[in-house]
Protein backbone atom coordinates (compact mmCIF):
# COMPACT_ATOMS: atom_id res chain seq x y z
CA MET A 1 147.16 96.64 -3.69
CA ILE A 2 150.87 95.27 -3.21
CA PRO A 3 153.58 97.92 -2.37
CA SER A 4 155.92 98.15 -5.49
CA THR A 5 159.27 98.59 -3.32
CA LEU A 6 160.64 95.92 -1.40
CA PRO A 7 161.02 97.89 1.98
CA ASP A 8 157.49 98.89 1.54
CA GLN A 9 156.02 95.22 0.97
CA ILE A 10 158.26 94.33 4.34
CA SER A 11 156.33 97.03 6.01
CA ASP A 12 152.87 95.98 4.91
CA LEU A 13 153.56 92.61 5.92
CA TYR A 14 154.71 93.54 9.20
CA PHE A 15 151.59 95.75 9.57
CA ARG A 16 149.19 92.96 8.70
CA ILE A 17 150.91 90.65 10.91
CA ALA A 18 150.22 92.81 13.64
CA GLU A 19 146.97 93.40 13.15
CA VAL A 20 146.21 89.64 12.70
CA GLU A 21 148.06 89.22 16.03
CA ARG A 22 146.19 91.68 17.54
CA ARG A 23 142.67 90.46 16.77
CA ALA A 24 143.81 86.96 17.94
CA ARG A 25 144.17 88.79 21.46
CA ASN A 26 140.83 90.10 21.01
CA ARG A 27 139.00 87.30 20.25
CA LYS A 28 138.64 86.08 23.90
CA ARG A 29 139.22 88.55 26.90
CA LYS A 30 138.43 88.50 30.34
CA GLY A 31 137.14 91.40 32.18
CA THR A 32 135.06 92.93 34.94
CA VAL A 33 131.77 94.46 34.69
CA VAL A 34 132.09 97.71 35.81
CA GLU A 35 128.62 99.64 34.34
CA VAL A 36 125.39 98.08 34.12
CA GLY A 37 123.18 99.77 31.60
CA THR A 38 119.88 101.68 32.38
CA GLY A 39 117.60 103.30 29.96
CA GLU A 40 118.55 102.43 26.56
CA ASN A 41 121.37 100.36 27.64
CA SER A 42 118.97 98.17 30.06
CA GLY A 43 120.52 94.78 29.63
CA LYS A 44 123.82 95.96 28.39
CA TYR A 45 127.08 96.16 30.14
CA ARG A 46 130.69 97.67 30.06
CA ALA A 47 133.55 95.73 31.18
CA GLN A 48 137.22 96.77 31.83
CA LEU A 49 139.74 94.78 30.49
CA SER A 50 142.85 96.07 31.93
CA ASP A 51 143.97 99.11 33.71
CA GLN A 52 147.74 100.17 32.46
CA ASN A 53 149.31 102.98 34.00
CA GLY A 54 146.42 104.37 35.84
CA LYS A 55 144.29 104.03 32.62
CA ARG A 56 141.26 101.81 32.52
CA PHE A 57 140.44 100.04 29.17
CA LEU A 58 136.78 99.81 29.10
CA THR A 59 134.46 98.02 26.25
CA GLY A 60 131.87 99.57 24.76
CA TRP A 61 128.02 98.61 26.14
CA LEU A 62 127.59 94.96 25.23
CA LYS A 63 124.95 92.64 25.35
CA THR A 64 125.16 89.04 27.43
CA ARG A 65 124.37 85.93 26.02
CA GLN A 66 121.76 84.11 27.32
CA LEU A 67 120.63 80.63 28.01
CA GLY A 68 117.29 80.79 26.51
CA ALA A 69 116.39 84.00 24.50
CA GLY A 70 113.20 82.54 22.64
CA GLY A 71 110.02 80.86 23.74
CA VAL A 72 111.91 80.24 27.02
CA LYS A 73 113.69 83.29 28.16
CA ILE A 74 116.61 82.78 31.23
CA ASP A 75 117.46 85.99 31.84
CA ILE A 76 120.62 86.77 34.05
CA MET A 77 121.52 89.96 35.12
CA LEU A 78 125.01 90.47 35.71
CA THR A 79 126.19 92.67 38.46
CA LYS A 80 129.37 95.16 39.03
CA GLY A 81 132.43 93.66 40.05
CA GLU A 82 131.36 90.23 38.20
CA GLN A 83 134.05 88.73 36.28
CA VAL A 84 133.00 87.76 32.18
CA ASP A 85 134.45 85.89 28.99
CA ILE A 86 134.39 88.95 26.45
CA ILE A 87 134.39 86.96 22.92
CA SER A 88 134.10 88.38 19.29
CA GLU A 89 135.01 86.21 16.41
CA SER A 90 136.31 88.74 14.34
CA GLY A 91 138.74 90.10 17.22
CA ASP A 92 137.05 93.55 16.90
CA LEU A 93 135.65 94.54 20.22
CA THR A 94 132.79 96.71 18.17
CA ASP A 95 131.25 93.65 17.44
CA ALA A 96 132.07 91.60 21.14
CA GLN A 97 129.25 90.20 23.20
CA ILE A 98 129.51 89.21 27.08
CA ASP A 99 129.98 85.34 26.89
CA PHE A 100 129.58 83.64 30.34
CA SER A 101 130.18 84.66 33.91
CA THR A 102 133.34 83.23 35.96
CA TYR A 103 134.03 82.67 39.12
CA SER A 104 137.20 84.96 40.43
CA ASP A 105 139.10 85.78 43.47
CA ASP A 106 136.40 88.36 44.72
CA ASN A 107 133.58 86.03 43.98
CA LYS A 108 134.19 82.63 44.67
CA ARG A 109 132.18 79.31 44.21
CA GLU A 110 130.14 78.66 46.86
CA ASN A 111 128.39 75.28 46.05
CA ASN A 112 130.53 72.05 45.65
CA ASP A 113 127.41 69.48 45.67
CA THR A 114 124.30 70.47 44.37
CA PRO A 115 123.81 69.76 40.87
CA LEU A 116 121.31 73.48 40.12
CA HIS A 117 122.31 75.94 43.14
CA ILE A 118 120.95 79.51 42.34
CA LYS A 119 121.57 81.92 44.79
CA ILE A 120 120.20 85.55 45.01
CA GLY A 121 121.48 87.87 47.75
CA ASP A 122 120.63 85.26 51.08
CA THR A 123 118.02 83.24 49.04
CA VAL A 124 119.13 80.30 47.85
CA LEU A 125 117.49 77.66 45.57
CA ALA A 126 119.00 74.22 45.20
CA VAL A 127 117.49 71.37 43.04
CA SER A 128 119.40 67.70 43.57
CA ASN A 129 118.06 63.82 43.11
CA GLU A 130 117.10 64.33 46.79
CA GLY A 131 114.67 67.28 46.11
CA VAL A 132 114.28 70.83 45.89
CA THR A 133 115.39 72.88 48.72
CA ILE A 134 114.45 76.95 48.97
CA THR A 135 116.12 78.72 51.93
CA ALA A 136 114.82 82.44 52.38
CA GLY A 137 117.07 85.14 53.25
CA VAL A 138 116.53 86.92 55.84
CA GLY A 139 113.31 89.30 55.93
CA HIS A 140 111.63 87.21 53.29
CA LEU A 141 108.91 84.43 53.52
CA ALA A 142 109.46 80.89 52.64
């Protein structure tokens, strides 16, 4: 409903513009995983989006987008401290999901030349045109 007076109309427009700008800012945010879900929240994560005046701004429990979630399942489990991109088509974080993980200063890229490089702890699977190399971590059998 359109307000009846000009001052109320201006106030209403100001509110609507502010809401559109807020939602636009929330369409894609960077955050850091601070909680890994267990039990009913298994496969979900909470991320810290900012820290203002000592108060952390945390998301609710978010699902992650996966490379495969049908007949082929590729399930990547995130870890605490991992930087992630959080997307919300509407700009309302209640319908957000974690899009991808992103390298950060705390978790730098280690691979610069192998097309497929999977590392879990000290174990590495490297696939290239030359073949497949598996390097087992300390205390593991190859």
